Amino acid sequence: MDPVIIYTDYHCPYSLMAKSYLDKKGVDYHEYNLSHHPLIKKNLFSHFGEIGTPLIIVGEEAFIGFDREGLEEALIRSS
C-alpha cells in the first residue's frame, strides 16, 4: 500500500472524522498537525494553493477535505 499522510488541525472536525475512518479501516498513516507545523502549512500552501484540512495524500493522490468515497477508492487503488 502507498504511504498515507494526513495534515490536520486541532479545530477541524473533518480531520477527526478522517482519522477515525482511517483507524477503523486499519490504515497506517503519518499525521502532521498544521497547528504545530507552520512551515509545513506554508509549503503546502505554496504547492497546492488554498488548502483546508484535512489534506490527505495517498501515494500520488491528494484530497482536500474528508471525501470518504474518494479516499476509499484511492486506498483500493494503492493496495
N, C-alpha and C. Protein backbone atom coordinates (compact mmCIF):
# COMPACT_ATOMS: atom_id res chain seq x y z
N MET A 1 0.84 -1.19 0.00
CA MET A 1 0.00 0.00 0.00
C MET A 1 0.88 1.24 0.00
N ASP A 2 0.46 2.23 -0.78
CA ASP A 2 1.17 3.51 -0.80
C ASP A 2 1.09 4.17 0.57
N PRO A 3 2.07 4.99 0.91
CA PRO A 3 2.01 5.70 2.20
C PRO A 3 0.84 6.67 2.24
N VAL A 4 0.28 6.82 3.42
CA VAL A 4 -0.82 7.76 3.63
C VAL A 4 -0.33 8.83 4.60
N ILE A 5 -0.49 10.07 4.19
CA ILE A 5 -0.12 11.21 5.03
C ILE A 5 -1.37 12.06 5.20
N ILE A 6 -1.62 12.49 6.42
CA ILE A 6 -2.78 13.34 6.68
C ILE A 6 -2.32 14.58 7.43
N TYR A 7 -2.69 15.72 6.89
CA TYR A 7 -2.41 17.02 7.51
C TYR A 7 -3.71 17.46 8.17
N THR A 8 -3.63 17.73 9.47
CA THR A 8 -4.82 18.02 10.26
C THR A 8 -4.69 19.37 10.95
N ASP A 9 -5.75 19.72 11.66
CA ASP A 9 -5.78 20.91 12.51
C ASP A 9 -6.65 20.56 13.71
N TYR A 10 -6.25 21.02 14.88
CA TYR A 10 -7.00 20.71 16.10
C TYR A 10 -8.47 21.13 16.03
N HIS A 11 -8.75 22.22 15.34
CA HIS A 11 -10.09 22.79 15.35
C HIS A 11 -10.95 22.30 14.20
N CYS A 12 -10.51 21.26 13.51
CA CYS A 12 -11.23 20.78 12.33
C CYS A 12 -11.93 19.46 12.61
N PRO A 13 -13.26 19.46 12.66
CA PRO A 13 -13.98 18.21 12.92
C PRO A 13 -13.79 17.19 11.79
N TYR A 14 -13.55 17.66 10.57
CA TYR A 14 -13.35 16.73 9.45
C TYR A 14 -12.01 16.00 9.56
N SER A 15 -11.03 16.64 10.18
CA SER A 15 -9.76 15.96 10.45
C SER A 15 -9.98 14.78 11.39
N LEU A 16 -10.78 15.00 12.43
CA LEU A 16 -11.08 13.93 13.37
C LEU A 16 -11.86 12.80 12.69
N MET A 17 -12.80 13.16 11.84
CA MET A 17 -13.58 12.15 11.11
C MET A 17 -12.68 11.33 10.20
N ALA A 18 -11.77 11.99 9.50
CA ALA A 18 -10.88 11.29 8.58
C ALA A 18 -9.95 10.34 9.34
N LYS A 19 -9.39 10.80 10.45
CA LYS A 19 -8.52 9.93 11.24
C LYS A 19 -9.28 8.74 11.80
N SER A 20 -10.49 8.98 12.27
CA SER A 20 -11.32 7.89 12.78
C SER A 20 -11.61 6.86 11.68
N TYR A 21 -11.92 7.34 10.49
CA TYR A 21 -12.18 6.47 9.35
C TYR A 21 -10.94 5.62 9.03
N LEU A 22 -9.77 6.26 8.94
CA LEU A 22 -8.54 5.52 8.64
C LEU A 22 -8.23 4.51 9.74
N ASP A 23 -8.46 4.89 11.00
CA ASP A 23 -8.23 3.97 12.12
C ASP A 23 -9.14 2.75 12.02
N LYS A 24 -10.42 2.98 11.72
CA LYS A 24 -11.38 1.87 11.60
C LYS A 24 -11.02 0.93 10.46
N LYS A 25 -10.43 1.49 9.38
CA LYS A 25 -10.02 0.68 8.24
C LYS A 25 -8.68 -0.02 8.49
N GLY A 26 -8.01 0.33 9.59
CA GLY A 26 -6.71 -0.26 9.89
C GLY A 26 -5.60 0.26 9.01
N VAL A 27 -5.77 1.49 8.51
CA VAL A 27 -4.78 2.10 7.62
C VAL A 27 -3.73 2.83 8.46
N ASP A 28 -2.47 2.49 8.23
CA ASP A 28 -1.39 3.22 8.87
C ASP A 28 -1.20 4.55 8.15
N TYR A 29 -1.01 5.60 8.91
CA TYR A 29 -0.81 6.92 8.32
C TYR A 29 0.14 7.72 9.18
N HIS A 30 0.71 8.73 8.58
CA HIS A 30 1.55 9.67 9.31
C HIS A 30 0.80 11.00 9.36
N GLU A 31 0.65 11.52 10.57
CA GLU A 31 -0.11 12.76 10.75
C GLU A 31 0.81 13.94 11.04
N TYR A 32 0.51 15.05 10.39
CA TYR A 32 1.14 16.32 10.70
C TYR A 32 0.03 17.29 11.09
N ASN A 33 0.08 17.77 12.32
CA ASN A 33 -0.90 18.74 12.76
C ASN A 33 -0.37 20.13 12.40
N LEU A 34 -1.06 20.80 11.50
CA LEU A 34 -0.59 22.09 11.00
C LEU A 34 -0.57 23.18 12.06
N SER A 35 -1.28 22.96 13.17
CA SER A 35 -1.23 23.91 14.28
C SER A 35 0.18 23.97 14.87
N HIS A 36 0.91 22.85 14.76
CA HIS A 36 2.25 22.76 15.32
C HIS A 36 3.35 22.95 14.28
N HIS A 37 2.98 22.95 13.01
CA HIS A 37 3.98 23.00 11.94
C HIS A 37 3.66 24.11 10.93
N PRO A 38 3.84 25.38 11.32
CA PRO A 38 3.51 26.48 10.40
C PRO A 38 4.34 26.47 9.12
N LEU A 39 5.57 25.98 9.18
CA LEU A 39 6.40 25.94 7.97
C LEU A 39 5.84 24.93 6.96
N ILE A 40 5.38 23.79 7.46
CA ILE A 40 4.75 22.81 6.57
C ILE A 40 3.51 23.42 5.94
N LYS A 41 2.71 24.12 6.74
CA LYS A 41 1.50 24.75 6.22
C LYS A 41 1.84 25.73 5.11
N LYS A 42 2.89 26.52 5.31
CA LYS A 42 3.32 27.49 4.30
C LYS A 42 3.75 26.77 3.02
N ASN A 43 4.50 25.69 3.15
CA ASN A 43 4.95 24.93 1.99
C ASN A 43 3.78 24.26 1.26
N LEU A 44 2.82 23.75 2.00
CA LEU A 44 1.64 23.15 1.38
C LEU A 44 0.86 24.19 0.60
N PHE A 45 0.72 25.39 1.20
CA PHE A 45 0.01 26.47 0.52
C PHE A 45 0.72 26.82 -0.79
N SER A 46 2.05 26.85 -0.77
CA SER A 46 2.82 27.15 -1.98
C SER A 46 2.61 26.09 -3.05
N HIS A 47 2.48 24.83 -2.63
CA HIS A 47 2.35 23.73 -3.57
C HIS A 47 0.92 23.56 -4.09
N PHE A 48 -0.07 23.62 -3.19
CA PHE A 48 -1.46 23.32 -3.55
C PHE A 48 -2.31 24.57 -3.75
N GLY A 49 -1.82 25.73 -3.34
CA GLY A 49 -2.68 26.91 -3.33
C GLY A 49 -3.50 26.87 -2.05
N GLU A 50 -4.69 27.38 -2.09
CA GLU A 50 -5.55 27.40 -0.90
C GLU A 50 -5.75 25.97 -0.40
N ILE A 51 -5.47 25.75 0.87
CA ILE A 51 -5.65 24.41 1.42
C ILE A 51 -6.63 24.46 2.58
N GLY A 52 -7.20 23.34 2.86
CA GLY A 52 -8.04 23.14 4.02
C GLY A 52 -7.61 21.85 4.68
N THR A 53 -8.21 21.56 5.80
CA THR A 53 -7.90 20.30 6.47
C THR A 53 -9.16 19.47 6.57
N PRO A 54 -9.00 18.19 6.56
CA PRO A 54 -7.73 17.51 6.39
C PRO A 54 -7.26 17.55 4.94
N LEU A 55 -5.97 17.49 4.77
CA LEU A 55 -5.36 17.25 3.47
C LEU A 55 -4.79 15.85 3.57
N ILE A 56 -5.31 14.95 2.75
CA ILE A 56 -4.92 13.55 2.81
C ILE A 56 -4.22 13.18 1.52
N ILE A 57 -3.05 12.61 1.65
CA ILE A 57 -2.28 12.19 0.48
C ILE A 57 -2.12 10.67 0.54
N VAL A 58 -2.57 10.03 -0.54
CA VAL A 58 -2.43 8.58 -0.69
C VAL A 58 -1.59 8.37 -1.95
N GLY A 59 -0.34 8.00 -1.75
CA GLY A 59 0.54 7.86 -2.91
C GLY A 59 0.67 9.18 -3.63
N GLU A 60 0.19 9.23 -4.87
CA GLU A 60 0.28 10.44 -5.70
C GLU A 60 -1.01 11.26 -5.69
N GLU A 61 -2.03 10.78 -4.98
CA GLU A 61 -3.34 11.46 -4.97
C GLU A 61 -3.49 12.31 -3.71
N ALA A 62 -4.09 13.48 -3.86
CA ALA A 62 -4.32 14.37 -2.73
C ALA A 62 -5.81 14.71 -2.65
N PHE A 63 -6.32 14.73 -1.42
CA PHE A 63 -7.72 15.07 -1.16
C PHE A 63 -7.76 16.18 -0.13
N ILE A 64 -8.44 17.25 -0.46
CA ILE A 64 -8.64 18.32 0.49
C ILE A 64 -10.05 18.16 1.04
N GLY A 65 -10.14 18.02 2.36
CA GLY A 65 -11.41 17.72 2.99
C GLY A 65 -11.57 16.22 3.13
N PHE A 66 -12.63 15.81 3.80
CA PHE A 66 -12.87 14.40 4.03
C PHE A 66 -13.89 13.90 3.01
N ASP A 67 -13.37 13.29 1.95
CA ASP A 67 -14.17 12.69 0.88
C ASP A 67 -14.10 11.18 1.06
N ARG A 68 -15.04 10.63 1.82
CA ARG A 68 -15.00 9.21 2.17
C ARG A 68 -14.93 8.31 0.94
N GLU A 69 -15.76 8.57 -0.04
CA GLU A 69 -15.81 7.73 -1.25
C GLU A 69 -14.50 7.84 -2.05
N GLY A 70 -14.02 9.05 -2.26
CA GLY A 70 -12.78 9.23 -3.00
C GLY A 70 -11.60 8.62 -2.27
N LEU A 71 -11.57 8.77 -0.95
CA LEU A 71 -10.50 8.19 -0.15
C LEU A 71 -10.54 6.67 -0.22
N GLU A 72 -11.72 6.10 -0.12
CA GLU A 72 -11.87 4.65 -0.20
C GLU A 72 -11.34 4.13 -1.54
N GLU A 73 -11.69 4.78 -2.61
CA GLU A 73 -11.21 4.37 -3.95
C GLU A 73 -9.71 4.49 -4.06
N ALA A 74 -9.14 5.56 -3.50
CA ALA A 74 -7.68 5.74 -3.55
C ALA A 74 -6.98 4.66 -2.74
N LEU A 75 -7.54 4.29 -1.59
CA LEU A 75 -6.95 3.24 -0.79
C LEU A 75 -6.98 1.90 -1.52
N ILE A 76 -8.06 1.63 -2.22
CA ILE A 76 -8.17 0.39 -3.01
C ILE A 76 -7.12 0.40 -4.12
N ARG A 77 -7.01 1.53 -4.82
CA ARG A 77 -6.02 1.62 -5.91
C ARG A 77 -4.59 1.46 -5.41
N SER A 78 -4.33 1.91 -4.20
CA SER A 78 -2.96 1.91 -3.69
C SER A 78 -2.54 0.56 -3.11
N SER A 79 -3.51 -0.34 -2.92
CA SER A 79 -3.15 -1.62 -2.30
C SER A 79 -2.65 -2.64 -3.31
